[in-house]
Amino acid sequence: MPTPDDQPIYKIAPAALWRAAERAGRFEGAPVDIADGFIHFSTAEQARETAAKHFRGQADLLLVAVDPGKLGPALLWEPSRGGALFPHLYGALDLAAVISVEPLPLNPDGSHSFPETIP
């Protein structure tokens, strides 16, 4: 079972929304996050499935890697798809916790091309 400090967690975000967060100095979440009351993240192992399920065919996305150890008690690991534990942040994301921001290019078939660091 993952713990908050083990590995980076990932947020897939529309580029325009993320750039607005960079200007503001914090990420409040995408509309779905705000509606659910927390920011949805995925582990490296979950990121491809998340992209396929929720972002298929969407261009201009970014893959944001976050250090979960910098998020404190607002980060909870909760069951979701099939009982798997997903990281959920109950509060805004302080951009100081961001490790990297990379493009998530769209392939011709509507899937996304992930960096080699994502299994």
C-alpha atoms as a PDB file:
ATOM      1  CA  MET A   1       0.000   0.000   0.000  1.00  0.00           C
ATOM      2  CA  PRO A   2       1.481   3.390  -0.926  1.00  0.00           C
ATOM      3  CA  THR A   3       2.169   5.942   1.720  1.00  0.00           C
ATOM      4  CA  PRO A   4       2.230   9.701   1.197  1.00  0.00           C
ATOM      5  CA  ASP A   5       6.039   9.953   1.117  1.00  0.00           C
ATOM      6  CA  ASP A   6       6.917   6.983  -1.136  1.00  0.00           C
ATOM      7  CA  GLN A   7       6.730   8.256  -4.720  1.00  0.00           C
ATOM      8  CA  PRO A   8       5.519  11.286  -6.652  1.00  0.00           C
ATOM      9  CA  ILE A   9       1.813  11.562  -7.322  1.00  0.00           C
ATOM     10  CA  TYR A  10       0.373  13.002 -10.515  1.00  0.00           C
ATOM     11  CA  LYS A  11      -2.287  15.445 -11.606  1.00  0.00           C
ATOM     12  CA  ILE A  12      -3.436  15.611 -15.210  1.00  0.00           C
ATOM     13  CA  ALA A  13      -4.523  19.170 -15.889  1.00  0.00           C
ATOM     14  CA  PRO A  14      -5.537  21.268 -18.883  1.00  0.00           C
ATOM     15  CA  ALA A  15      -2.622  23.543 -19.754  1.00  0.00           C
ATOM     16  CA  ALA A  16      -4.662  26.766 -19.522  1.00  0.00           C
ATOM     17  CA  LEU A  17      -5.964  25.854 -16.073  1.00  0.00           C
ATOM     18  CA  TRP A  18      -2.478  24.966 -14.851  1.00  0.00           C
ATOM     19  CA  ARG A  19      -0.930  28.159 -16.244  1.00  0.00           C
ATOM     20  CA  ALA A  20      -3.578  30.156 -14.353  1.00  0.00           C
ATOM     21  CA  ALA A  21      -2.605  28.285 -11.186  1.00  0.00           C
ATOM     22  CA  GLU A  22       1.055  29.144 -11.779  1.00  0.00           C
ATOM     23  CA  ARG A  23       0.137  32.818 -12.004  1.00  0.00           C
ATOM     24  CA  ALA A  24      -1.921  32.528  -8.795  1.00  0.00           C
ATOM     25  CA  GLY A  25       0.762  30.549  -6.966  1.00  0.00           C
ATOM     26  CA  ARG A  26      -1.619  27.701  -6.065  1.00  0.00           C
ATOM     27  CA  PHE A  27      -3.885  25.185  -7.744  1.00  0.00           C
ATOM     28  CA  GLU A  28      -7.442  25.139  -6.450  1.00  0.00           C
ATOM     29  CA  GLY A  29      -8.422  22.204  -8.655  1.00  0.00           C
ATOM     30  CA  ALA A  30     -10.235  21.489 -11.876  1.00  0.00           C
ATOM     31  CA  PRO A  31     -14.039  21.800 -11.948  1.00  0.00           C
ATOM     32  CA  VAL A  32     -14.435  18.092 -11.063  1.00  0.00           C
ATOM     33  CA  ASP A  33     -12.096  18.540  -8.087  1.00  0.00           C
ATOM     34  CA  ILE A  34     -14.004  21.539  -6.822  1.00  0.00           C
ATOM     35  CA  ALA A  35     -17.315  19.679  -7.220  1.00  0.00           C
ATOM     36  CA  ASP A  36     -15.953  16.639  -5.326  1.00  0.00           C
ATOM     37  CA  GLY A  37     -14.356  18.710  -2.563  1.00  0.00           C
ATOM     38  CA  PHE A  38     -10.795  17.465  -3.118  1.00  0.00           C
ATOM     39  CA  ILE A  39      -8.084  17.423  -5.785  1.00  0.00           C
ATOM     40  CA  HIS A  40      -7.826  14.059  -7.525  1.00  0.00           C
ATOM     41  CA  PHE A  41      -4.321  12.642  -7.982  1.00  0.00           C
ATOM     42  CA  SER A  42      -3.001   9.343  -9.315  1.00  0.00           C
ATOM     43  CA  THR A  43       0.064   7.269  -8.599  1.00  0.00           C
ATOM     44  CA  ALA A  44       2.437   6.509 -11.480  1.00  0.00           C
ATOM     45  CA  GLU A  45       0.730   3.139 -11.831  1.00  0.00           C
ATOM     46  CA  GLN A  46      -2.737   4.732 -11.990  1.00  0.00           C
ATOM     47  CA  ALA A  47      -1.976   7.697 -14.267  1.00  0.00           C
ATOM     48  CA  ARG A  48      -2.440   5.939 -17.624  1.00  0.00           C
ATOM     49  CA  GLU A  49      -5.805   4.495 -16.599  1.00  0.00           C
ATOM     50  CA  THR A  50      -6.896   7.893 -15.290  1.00  0.00           C
ATOM     51  CA  ALA A  51      -5.935   9.514 -18.591  1.00  0.00           C
ATOM     52  CA  ALA A  52      -7.771   6.855 -20.592  1.00  0.00           C
ATOM     53  CA  LYS A  53     -10.904   7.012 -18.455  1.00  0.00           C
ATOM     54  CA  HIS A  54     -11.233  10.763 -17.928  1.00  0.00           C
ATOM     55  CA  PHE A  55      -9.115  12.541 -20.567  1.00  0.00           C
ATOM     56  CA  ARG A  56      -9.161  10.407 -23.736  1.00  0.00           C
ATOM     57  CA  GLY A  57      -9.048  12.584 -26.836  1.00  0.00           C
ATOM     58  CA  GLN A  58      -8.285  15.786 -24.916  1.00  0.00           C
ATOM     59  CA  ALA A  59      -5.338  17.835 -26.169  1.00  0.00           C
ATOM     60  CA  ASP A  60      -3.281  20.474 -24.367  1.00  0.00           C
ATOM     61  CA  LEU A  61      -2.898  18.525 -21.131  1.00  0.00           C
ATOM     62  CA  LEU A  62      -0.039  18.605 -18.667  1.00  0.00           C
ATOM     63  CA  LEU A  63       1.244  15.921 -16.333  1.00  0.00           C
ATOM     64  CA  VAL A  64       2.101  17.527 -13.006  1.00  0.00           C
ATOM     65  CA  ALA A  65       4.332  15.532 -10.646  1.00  0.00           C
ATOM     66  CA  VAL A  66       3.924  16.386  -6.965  1.00  0.00           C
ATOM     67  CA  ASP A  67       5.914  15.457  -3.863  1.00  0.00           C
ATOM     68  CA  PRO A  68       3.266  13.981  -1.556  1.00  0.00           C
ATOM     69  CA  GLY A  69       5.553  14.403   1.449  1.00  0.00           C
ATOM     70  CA  LYS A  70       5.059  18.172   1.171  1.00  0.00           C
ATOM     71  CA  LEU A  71       1.260  18.033   1.307  1.00  0.00           C
ATOM     72  CA  GLY A  72       0.803  17.191   4.972  1.00  0.00           C
ATOM     73  CA  PRO A  73      -2.369  15.820   6.556  1.00  0.00           C
ATOM     74  CA  ALA A  74      -4.610  17.287   3.831  1.00  0.00           C
ATOM     75  CA  LEU A  75      -3.507  14.360   1.614  1.00  0.00           C
ATOM     76  CA  LEU A  76      -5.557  11.229   2.187  1.00  0.00           C
ATOM     77  CA  TRP A  77      -5.309   7.848   0.454  1.00  0.00           C
ATOM     78  CA  GLU A  78      -8.860   6.705  -0.210  1.00  0.00           C
ATOM     79  CA  PRO A  79     -10.435   3.757  -2.043  1.00  0.00           C
ATOM     80  CA  SER A  80     -11.757   4.420  -5.515  1.00  0.00           C
ATOM     81  CA  ARG A  81     -11.826   2.325  -8.707  1.00  0.00           C
ATOM     82  CA  GLY A  82     -11.922  -1.326  -7.741  1.00  0.00           C
ATOM     83  CA  GLY A  83     -10.917  -0.504  -4.178  1.00  0.00           C
ATOM     84  CA  ALA A  84      -7.507   0.876  -5.204  1.00  0.00           C
ATOM     85  CA  LEU A  85      -6.206   3.658  -2.989  1.00  0.00           C
ATOM     86  CA  PHE A  86      -5.993   7.029  -4.709  1.00  0.00           C
ATOM     87  CA  PRO A  87      -4.373  10.188  -3.316  1.00  0.00           C
ATOM     88  CA  HIS A  88      -6.879  12.984  -2.655  1.00  0.00           C
ATOM     89  CA  LEU A  89      -5.848  16.446  -1.483  1.00  0.00           C
ATOM     90  CA  TYR A  90      -8.396  18.239   0.688  1.00  0.00           C
ATOM     91  CA  GLY A  91      -7.299  21.794   0.025  1.00  0.00           C
ATOM     92  CA  ALA A  92      -5.402  23.811  -2.528  1.00  0.00           C
ATOM     93  CA  LEU A  93      -2.130  22.540  -3.952  1.00  0.00           C
ATOM     94  CA  ASP A  94       0.800  24.721  -2.914  1.00  0.00           C
ATOM     95  CA  LEU A  95       3.002  24.886  -6.005  1.00  0.00           C
ATOM     96  CA  ALA A  96       6.105  24.486  -3.828  1.00  0.00           C
ATOM     97  CA  ALA A  97       5.215  20.764  -3.763  1.00  0.00           C
ATOM     98  CA  VAL A  98       5.418  20.475  -7.565  1.00  0.00           C
ATOM     99  CA  ILE A  99       8.383  18.467  -8.837  1.00  0.00           C
ATOM    100  CA  SER A 100       7.814  18.836 -12.577  1.00  0.00           C
ATOM    101  CA  VAL A 101       5.290  19.816 -15.222  1.00  0.00           C
ATOM    102  CA  GLU A 102       5.458  18.010 -18.558  1.00  0.00           C
ATOM    103  CA  PRO A 103       3.299  18.026 -21.676  1.00  0.00           C
ATOM    104  CA  LEU A 104       1.011  15.026 -22.101  1.00  0.00           C
ATOM    105  CA  PRO A 105       0.811  14.798 -25.902  1.00  0.00           C
ATOM    106  CA  LEU A 106      -2.196  13.326 -27.612  1.00  0.00           C
ATOM    107  CA  ASN A 107      -1.604  10.315 -29.862  1.00  0.00           C
ATOM    108  CA  PRO A 108      -3.561   9.921 -33.141  1.00  0.00           C
ATOM    109  CA  ASP A 109      -5.743   7.225 -31.507  1.00  0.00           C
ATOM    110  CA  GLY A 110      -6.876   9.576 -28.709  1.00  0.00           C
ATOM    111  CA  SER A 111      -4.602   8.090 -26.035  1.00  0.00           C
ATOM    112  CA  HIS A 112      -1.818  10.090 -24.409  1.00  0.00           C
ATOM    113  CA  SER A 113       1.926   9.684 -24.684  1.00  0.00           C
ATOM    114  CA  PHE A 114       3.404   9.455 -21.191  1.00  0.00           C
ATOM    115  CA  PRO A 115       7.017  10.095 -20.205  1.00  0.00           C
ATOM    116  CA  GLU A 116       9.166   6.981 -19.855  1.00  0.00           C
ATOM    117  CA  THR A 117       9.211   7.484 -16.069  1.00  0.00           C
ATOM    118  CA  ILE A 118       5.543   6.436 -15.882  1.00  0.00           C
ATOM    119  CA  PRO A 119       5.087   2.648 -16.074  1.00  0.00           C
END
